[in-house]
Amino acid sequence: MSKVIGLKCRECGAEYPSGIQNTCYECFGPLEVHYDWDEIQNKVSKEKIARGPPSIWRYADLLPLDGTNYVDLGAGYNKLHHAKNLGKKLGLKELYILDDSVNPTNSFKDRVTSVAVSKALELGATAIGCASTGNLASAVGAHAAKAGIPAYVFIPASIELGKITQMLTYDPNVIAVDGTYDDANRLASEVADQNPDWAFVNINIRPYY
């Protein structure tokens, strides 16, 4: 039995089947994943989590996929560093800092992208995309390369050369927009609307991101 019932509007409560969709057709509110928590409770356990891989996918029973075809580059499950000196200055005895620089593309974006790209494949997407100022584009490019699926990343042409160089490492299709991030996001949204089987992680499959 599926642990994901479908999608549900945060504003009006309208429900939809799981799909490449992020907006309610009734009120234009944002959609969220609607879980069957009883089903999840039957599946999840501390022991099962402990036996899982050293990545976000050890928590697979709590994530919005039904299958096991994960695009896993090893993101997540990163080390916590006890920041004793900083904690002392702030009056906190148990202050820990999570090191996300060890993620595959050096960003926390790898966690959410791993889930979103995996879900996109489960939904039958034929391409992956995003609008980004750098970090998300690299994460999408890397996970798309692992999955063997085309990636289209829309970026402002003015972002730092280092960020562009990093994303090009993964060979996505880079569309540099002469404008702001909002302009890049607007163009990506238009392309997503014209290609319903393309999954843009921070646009039309945002509920899973």
C-alpha atoms as a PDB file:
ATOM      1  CA  MET A   1       0.000   0.000   0.000  1.00  0.00           C
ATOM      2  CA  SER A   2       1.274   3.487  -0.876  1.00  0.00           C
ATOM      3  CA  LYS A   3       2.359   5.808   1.896  1.00  0.00           C
ATOM      4  CA  VAL A   4       1.648   8.774  -0.410  1.00  0.00           C
ATOM      5  CA  ILE A   5      -2.057   9.487  -0.871  1.00  0.00           C
ATOM      6  CA  GLY A   6      -1.410  12.298  -3.335  1.00  0.00           C
ATOM      7  CA  LEU A   7      -1.165  16.078  -3.233  1.00  0.00           C
ATOM      8  CA  LYS A   8      -3.245  18.426  -1.105  1.00  0.00           C
ATOM      9  CA  CYS A   9      -3.740  22.186  -1.285  1.00  0.00           C
ATOM     10  CA  ARG A  10      -2.413  23.997   1.759  1.00  0.00           C
ATOM     11  CA  GLU A  11      -5.092  26.690   1.402  1.00  0.00           C
ATOM     12  CA  CYS A  12      -8.410  25.068   0.408  1.00  0.00           C
ATOM     13  CA  GLY A  13      -7.725  21.374   1.039  1.00  0.00           C
ATOM     14  CA  ALA A  14      -8.421  20.230  -2.542  1.00  0.00           C
ATOM     15  CA  GLU A  15      -6.793  16.872  -3.271  1.00  0.00           C
ATOM     16  CA  TYR A  16      -5.019  15.618  -6.401  1.00  0.00           C
ATOM     17  CA  PRO A  17      -3.243  12.409  -7.398  1.00  0.00           C
ATOM     18  CA  SER A  18       0.550  12.417  -7.262  1.00  0.00           C
ATOM     19  CA  GLY A  19       1.902  14.099 -10.356  1.00  0.00           C
ATOM     20  CA  ILE A  20       4.003  16.870 -11.854  1.00  0.00           C
ATOM     21  CA  GLN A  21       1.967  19.705 -10.359  1.00  0.00           C
ATOM     22  CA  ASN A  22       2.588  22.344  -7.703  1.00  0.00           C
ATOM     23  CA  THR A  23      -0.471  24.619  -7.772  1.00  0.00           C
ATOM     24  CA  CYS A  24      -4.115  24.044  -6.856  1.00  0.00           C
ATOM     25  CA  TYR A  25      -6.492  24.361  -9.807  1.00  0.00           C
ATOM     26  CA  GLU A  26      -9.252  25.606  -7.492  1.00  0.00           C
ATOM     27  CA  CYS A  27      -7.597  28.454  -5.566  1.00  0.00           C
ATOM     28  CA  PHE A  28      -4.020  28.563  -6.952  1.00  0.00           C
ATOM     29  CA  GLY A  29      -2.659  27.701  -3.510  1.00  0.00           C
ATOM     30  CA  PRO A  30       0.532  25.661  -3.040  1.00  0.00           C
ATOM     31  CA  LEU A  31       0.304  21.874  -2.982  1.00  0.00           C
ATOM     32  CA  GLU A  32       1.911  19.613  -0.393  1.00  0.00           C
ATOM     33  CA  VAL A  33       2.429  15.870  -0.239  1.00  0.00           C
ATOM     34  CA  HIS A  34      -0.502  14.140   1.492  1.00  0.00           C
ATOM     35  CA  TYR A  35       0.833  11.169   3.469  1.00  0.00           C
ATOM     36  CA  ASP A  36      -0.855   8.102   4.896  1.00  0.00           C
ATOM     37  CA  TRP A  37       0.704   8.365   8.348  1.00  0.00           C
ATOM     38  CA  ASP A  38      -0.753   5.062   9.510  1.00  0.00           C
ATOM     39  CA  GLU A  39       1.014   3.308   6.632  1.00  0.00           C
ATOM     40  CA  ILE A  40       4.262   5.100   7.458  1.00  0.00           C
ATOM     41  CA  GLN A  41       3.957   4.103  11.102  1.00  0.00           C
ATOM     42  CA  ASN A  42       3.664   0.477  10.027  1.00  0.00           C
ATOM     43  CA  LYS A  43       6.863   0.714   7.960  1.00  0.00           C
ATOM     44  CA  VAL A  44       9.288   2.926   9.843  1.00  0.00           C
ATOM     45  CA  SER A  45      11.451   1.918  12.800  1.00  0.00           C
ATOM     46  CA  LYS A  46      14.684   3.069  14.416  1.00  0.00           C
ATOM     47  CA  GLU A  47      16.268  -0.270  13.581  1.00  0.00           C
ATOM     48  CA  LYS A  48      15.373  -0.005   9.893  1.00  0.00           C
ATOM     49  CA  ILE A  49      16.734   3.537   9.730  1.00  0.00           C
ATOM     50  CA  ALA A  50      19.980   2.419  11.379  1.00  0.00           C
ATOM     51  CA  ARG A  51      20.413  -0.313   8.735  1.00  0.00           C
ATOM     52  CA  GLY A  52      19.926   2.141   5.878  1.00  0.00           C
ATOM     53  CA  PRO A  53      22.588   3.672   3.621  1.00  0.00           C
ATOM     54  CA  PRO A  54      24.795   6.549   4.871  1.00  0.00           C
ATOM     55  CA  SER A  55      22.679   9.160   3.105  1.00  0.00           C
ATOM     56  CA  ILE A  56      19.271  10.803   3.250  1.00  0.00           C
ATOM     57  CA  TRP A  57      17.828   7.552   1.897  1.00  0.00           C
ATOM     58  CA  ARG A  58      18.132   5.826   5.253  1.00  0.00           C
ATOM     59  CA  TYR A  59      14.955   7.821   5.929  1.00  0.00           C
ATOM     60  CA  ALA A  60      13.239   6.527   2.775  1.00  0.00           C
ATOM     61  CA  ASP A  61      10.114   5.477   4.680  1.00  0.00           C
ATOM     62  CA  LEU A  62       9.557   9.142   5.562  1.00  0.00           C
ATOM     63  CA  LEU A  63      10.127  10.475   2.038  1.00  0.00           C
ATOM     64  CA  PRO A  64       7.525  10.830  -0.762  1.00  0.00           C
ATOM     65  CA  LEU A  65       8.513   7.851  -2.935  1.00  0.00           C
ATOM     66  CA  ASP A  66       6.847   4.470  -3.201  1.00  0.00           C
ATOM     67  CA  GLY A  67       9.592   2.628  -5.068  1.00  0.00           C
ATOM     68  CA  THR A  68      13.278   2.097  -4.330  1.00  0.00           C
ATOM     69  CA  ASN A  69      14.772   3.570  -7.508  1.00  0.00           C
ATOM     70  CA  TYR A  70      16.626   6.345  -5.694  1.00  0.00           C
ATOM     71  CA  VAL A  71      19.088   8.724  -7.321  1.00  0.00           C
ATOM     72  CA  ASP A  72      21.573   8.569  -4.471  1.00  0.00           C
ATOM     73  CA  LEU A  73      24.910  10.376  -4.642  1.00  0.00           C
ATOM     74  CA  GLY A  74      25.430  10.075  -0.894  1.00  0.00           C
ATOM     75  CA  ALA A  75      23.924  13.391   0.195  1.00  0.00           C
ATOM     76  CA  GLY A  76      22.972  13.820   3.825  1.00  0.00           C
ATOM     77  CA  TYR A  77      23.960  11.915   6.949  1.00  0.00           C
ATOM     78  CA  ASN A  78      26.737  14.460   7.413  1.00  0.00           C
ATOM     79  CA  LYS A  79      28.865  14.939  10.488  1.00  0.00           C
ATOM     80  CA  LEU A  80      27.876  17.267  13.302  1.00  0.00           C
ATOM     81  CA  HIS A  81      30.772  19.252  14.797  1.00  0.00           C
ATOM     82  CA  HIS A  82      30.582  20.257  18.447  1.00  0.00           C
ATOM     83  CA  ALA A  83      31.232  24.023  18.380  1.00  0.00           C
ATOM     84  CA  LYS A  84      32.413  24.322  21.975  1.00  0.00           C
ATOM     85  CA  ASN A  85      34.081  27.726  21.736  1.00  0.00           C
ATOM     86  CA  LEU A  86      31.255  29.349  19.798  1.00  0.00           C
ATOM     87  CA  GLY A  87      28.743  27.714  22.090  1.00  0.00           C
ATOM     88  CA  LYS A  88      30.549  29.126  25.112  1.00  0.00           C
ATOM     89  CA  LYS A  89      30.334  32.640  23.682  1.00  0.00           C
ATOM     90  CA  LEU A  90      26.628  32.188  22.979  1.00  0.00           C
ATOM     91  CA  GLY A  91      25.877  30.522  26.297  1.00  0.00           C
ATOM     92  CA  LEU A  92      25.020  27.188  24.662  1.00  0.00           C
ATOM     93  CA  LYS A  93      26.565  23.982  26.006  1.00  0.00           C
ATOM     94  CA  GLU A  94      25.365  21.725  23.204  1.00  0.00           C
ATOM     95  CA  LEU A  95      25.887  23.716  20.001  1.00  0.00           C
ATOM     96  CA  TYR A  96      26.606  21.600  16.931  1.00  0.00           C
ATOM     97  CA  ILE A  97      27.253  22.684  13.347  1.00  0.00           C
ATOM     98  CA  LEU A  98      26.236  20.453  10.447  1.00  0.00           C
ATOM     99  CA  ASP A  99      28.877  20.232   7.718  1.00  0.00           C
ATOM    100  CA  ASP A 100      27.037  20.269   4.389  1.00  0.00           C
ATOM    101  CA  SER A 101      30.221  21.068   2.465  1.00  0.00           C
ATOM    102  CA  VAL A 102      30.825  17.306   2.196  1.00  0.00           C
ATOM    103  CA  ASN A 103      27.687  16.793   0.100  1.00  0.00           C
ATOM    104  CA  PRO A 104      28.324  15.762  -3.535  1.00  0.00           C
ATOM    105  CA  THR A 105      28.123  19.326  -4.906  1.00  0.00           C
ATOM    106  CA  ASN A 106      29.092  21.005  -1.612  1.00  0.00           C
ATOM    107  CA  SER A 107      25.586  22.262  -0.835  1.00  0.00           C
ATOM    108  CA  PHE A 108      22.544  21.377   1.262  1.00  0.00           C
ATOM    109  CA  LYS A 109      20.619  21.494  -2.028  1.00  0.00           C
ATOM    110  CA  ASP A 110      21.833  17.953  -2.734  1.00  0.00           C
ATOM    111  CA  ARG A 111      19.439  16.509  -0.151  1.00  0.00           C
ATOM    112  CA  VAL A 112      16.242  17.961  -1.565  1.00  0.00           C
ATOM    113  CA  THR A 113      17.409  17.476  -5.147  1.00  0.00           C
ATOM    114  CA  SER A 114      18.040  13.771  -4.556  1.00  0.00           C
ATOM    115  CA  VAL A 115      14.440  13.379  -3.401  1.00  0.00           C
ATOM    116  CA  ALA A 116      12.940  15.581  -6.128  1.00  0.00           C
ATOM    117  CA  VAL A 117      14.826  13.931  -9.007  1.00  0.00           C
ATOM    118  CA  SER A 118      14.011  10.454  -7.685  1.00  0.00           C
ATOM    119  CA  LYS A 119      10.321  11.371  -7.499  1.00  0.00           C
ATOM    120  CA  ALA A 120      10.427  12.923 -10.967  1.00  0.00           C
ATOM    121  CA  LEU A 121      11.683   9.635 -12.412  1.00  0.00           C
ATOM    122  CA  GLU A 122       8.985   7.740 -10.527  1.00  0.00           C
ATOM    123  CA  LEU A 123       6.409  10.068 -12.122  1.00  0.00           C
ATOM    124  CA  GLY A 124       7.811   9.415 -15.605  1.00  0.00           C
ATOM    125  CA  ALA A 125       9.586  12.721 -16.228  1.00  0.00           C
ATOM    126  CA  THR A 126      11.728  12.816 -19.368  1.00  0.00           C
ATOM    127  CA  ALA A 127      13.903  15.762 -18.318  1.00  0.00           C
ATOM    128  CA  ILE A 128      14.865  17.618 -15.145  1.00  0.00           C
ATOM    129  CA  GLY A 129      15.190  21.374 -14.763  1.00  0.00           C
ATOM    130  CA  CYS A 130      15.419  24.284 -12.362  1.00  0.00           C
ATOM    131  CA  ALA A 131      15.916  28.008 -12.026  1.00  0.00           C
ATOM    132  CA  SER A 132      18.974  28.806  -9.949  1.00  0.00           C
ATOM    133  CA  THR A 133      21.700  31.227  -8.978  1.00  0.00           C
ATOM    134  CA  GLY A 134      24.245  28.419  -8.751  1.00  0.00           C
ATOM    135  CA  ASN A 135      23.990  25.766  -6.051  1.00  0.00           C
ATOM    136  CA  LEU A 136      20.719  24.192  -7.169  1.00  0.00           C
ATOM    137  CA  ALA A 137      21.874  24.115 -10.799  1.00  0.00           C
ATOM    138  CA  SER A 138      24.929  22.075  -9.814  1.00  0.00           C
ATOM    139  CA  ALA A 139      22.848  19.720  -7.669  1.00  0.00           C
ATOM    140  CA  VAL A 140      20.313  19.191 -10.460  1.00  0.00           C
ATOM    141  CA  GLY A 141      23.060  18.678 -13.035  1.00  0.00           C
ATOM    142  CA  ALA A 142      24.842  16.099 -10.883  1.00  0.00           C
ATOM    143  CA  HIS A 143      21.719  14.094 -10.038  1.00  0.00           C
ATOM    144  CA  ALA A 144      20.447  14.216 -13.621  1.00  0.00           C
ATOM    145  CA  ALA A 145      23.815  12.917 -14.834  1.00  0.00           C
ATOM    146  CA  LYS A 146      23.617  10.064 -12.331  1.00  0.00           C
ATOM    147  CA  ALA A 147      20.071   9.264 -13.500  1.00  0.00           C
ATOM    148  CA  GLY A 148      20.995   9.480 -17.189  1.00  0.00           C
ATOM    149  CA  ILE A 149      18.336  12.089 -17.925  1.00  0.00           C
ATOM    150  CA  PRO A 150      18.714  15.527 -19.601  1.00  0.00           C
ATOM    151  CA  ALA A 151      18.959  18.584 -17.353  1.00  0.00           C
ATOM    152  CA  TYR A 152      18.005  22.173 -18.197  1.00  0.00           C
ATOM    153  CA  VAL A 153      19.144  24.860 -15.779  1.00  0.00           C
ATOM    154  CA  PHE A 154      18.074  28.486 -16.106  1.00  0.00           C
ATOM    155  CA  ILE A 155      20.435  30.995 -14.507  1.00  0.00           C
ATOM    156  CA  PRO A 156      21.022  34.756 -14.504  1.00  0.00           C
ATOM    157  CA  ALA A 157      23.933  35.395 -16.875  1.00  0.00           C
ATOM    158  CA  SER A 158      25.586  37.598 -14.242  1.00  0.00           C
ATOM    159  CA  ILE A 159      26.292  34.924 -11.604  1.00  0.00           C
ATOM    160  CA  GLU A 160      29.851  34.135 -10.538  1.00  0.00           C
ATOM    161  CA  LEU A 161      32.039  32.318 -13.048  1.00  0.00           C
ATOM    162  CA  GLY A 162      32.992  29.741 -10.419  1.00  0.00           C
ATOM    163  CA  LYS A 163      29.367  28.678 -10.006  1.00  0.00           C
ATOM    164  CA  ILE A 164      28.935  28.355 -13.768  1.00  0.00           C
ATOM    165  CA  THR A 165      32.139  26.314 -14.009  1.00  0.00           C
ATOM    166  CA  GLN A 166      30.931  23.941 -11.305  1.00  0.00           C
ATOM    167  CA  MET A 167      27.546  23.288 -12.908  1.00  0.00           C
ATOM    168  CA  LEU A 168      29.165  22.720 -16.321  1.00  0.00           C
ATOM    169  CA  THR A 169      31.112  19.841 -14.766  1.00  0.00           C
ATOM    170  CA  TYR A 170      27.899  17.792 -14.895  1.00  0.00           C
ATOM    171  CA  ASP A 171      27.076  18.731 -18.508  1.00  0.00           C
ATOM    172  CA  PRO A 172      23.548  20.157 -18.120  1.00  0.00           C
ATOM    173  CA  ASN A 173      21.953  22.376 -20.740  1.00  0.00           C
ATOM    174  CA  VAL A 174      22.621  25.854 -19.325  1.00  0.00           C
ATOM    175  CA  ILE A 175      20.292  28.682 -20.334  1.00  0.00           C
ATOM    176  CA  ALA A 176      21.826  31.988 -19.231  1.00  0.00           C
ATOM    177  CA  VAL A 177      19.183  34.708 -18.999  1.00  0.00           C
ATOM    178  CA  ASP A 178      20.050  38.382 -19.413  1.00  0.00           C
ATOM    179  CA  GLY A 179      18.243  39.461 -16.263  1.00  0.00           C
ATOM    180  CA  THR A 180      17.615  38.611 -12.621  1.00  0.00           C
ATOM    181  CA  TYR A 181      16.854  35.316 -10.924  1.00  0.00           C
ATOM    182  CA  ASP A 182      13.166  36.209 -11.173  1.00  0.00           C
ATOM    183  CA  ASP A 183      13.547  36.515 -14.943  1.00  0.00           C
ATOM    184  CA  ALA A 184      15.248  33.112 -15.113  1.00  0.00           C
ATOM    185  CA  ASN A 185      12.542  31.583 -12.922  1.00  0.00           C
ATOM    186  CA  ARG A 186       9.797  33.100 -15.072  1.00  0.00           C
ATOM    187  CA  LEU A 187      11.297  31.640 -18.260  1.00  0.00           C
ATOM    188  CA  ALA A 188      11.785  28.243 -16.602  1.00  0.00           C
ATOM    189  CA  SER A 189       8.139  28.288 -15.501  1.00  0.00           C
ATOM    190  CA  GLU A 190       7.013  29.004 -19.064  1.00  0.00           C
ATOM    191  CA  VAL A 191       9.123  26.121 -20.386  1.00  0.00           C
ATOM    192  CA  ALA A 192       7.698  23.840 -17.681  1.00  0.00           C
ATOM    193  CA  ASP A 193       4.161  24.770 -18.744  1.00  0.00           C
ATOM    194  CA  GLN A 194       4.972  23.937 -22.374  1.00  0.00           C
ATOM    195  CA  ASN A 195       6.576  20.582 -21.498  1.00  0.00           C
ATOM    196  CA  PRO A 196       4.335  18.774 -18.982  1.00  0.00           C
ATOM    197  CA  ASP A 197       6.646  15.763 -18.762  1.00  0.00           C
ATOM    198  CA  TRP A 198       9.633  17.905 -17.745  1.00  0.00           C
ATOM    199  CA  ALA A 199      10.110  18.150 -13.982  1.00  0.00           C
ATOM    200  CA  PHE A 200      11.493  21.424 -12.629  1.00  0.00           C
ATOM    201  CA  VAL A 201      12.503  20.740  -9.057  1.00  0.00           C
ATOM    202  CA  ASN A 202      11.704  24.183  -7.649  1.00  0.00           C
ATOM    203  CA  ILE A 203       8.671  24.793  -9.869  1.00  0.00           C
ATOM    204  CA  ASN A 204       6.276  22.036 -10.958  1.00  0.00           C
ATOM    205  CA  ILE A 205       7.532  19.299  -8.611  1.00  0.00           C
ATOM    206  CA  ARG A 206       8.155  21.649  -5.700  1.00  0.00           C
ATOM    207  CA  PRO A 207       5.893  19.611  -3.358  1.00  0.00           C
ATOM    208  CA  TYR A 208       8.546  16.869  -3.400  1.00  0.00           C
ATOM    209  CA  TYR A 209      11.506  19.274  -3.066  1.00  0.00           C
END
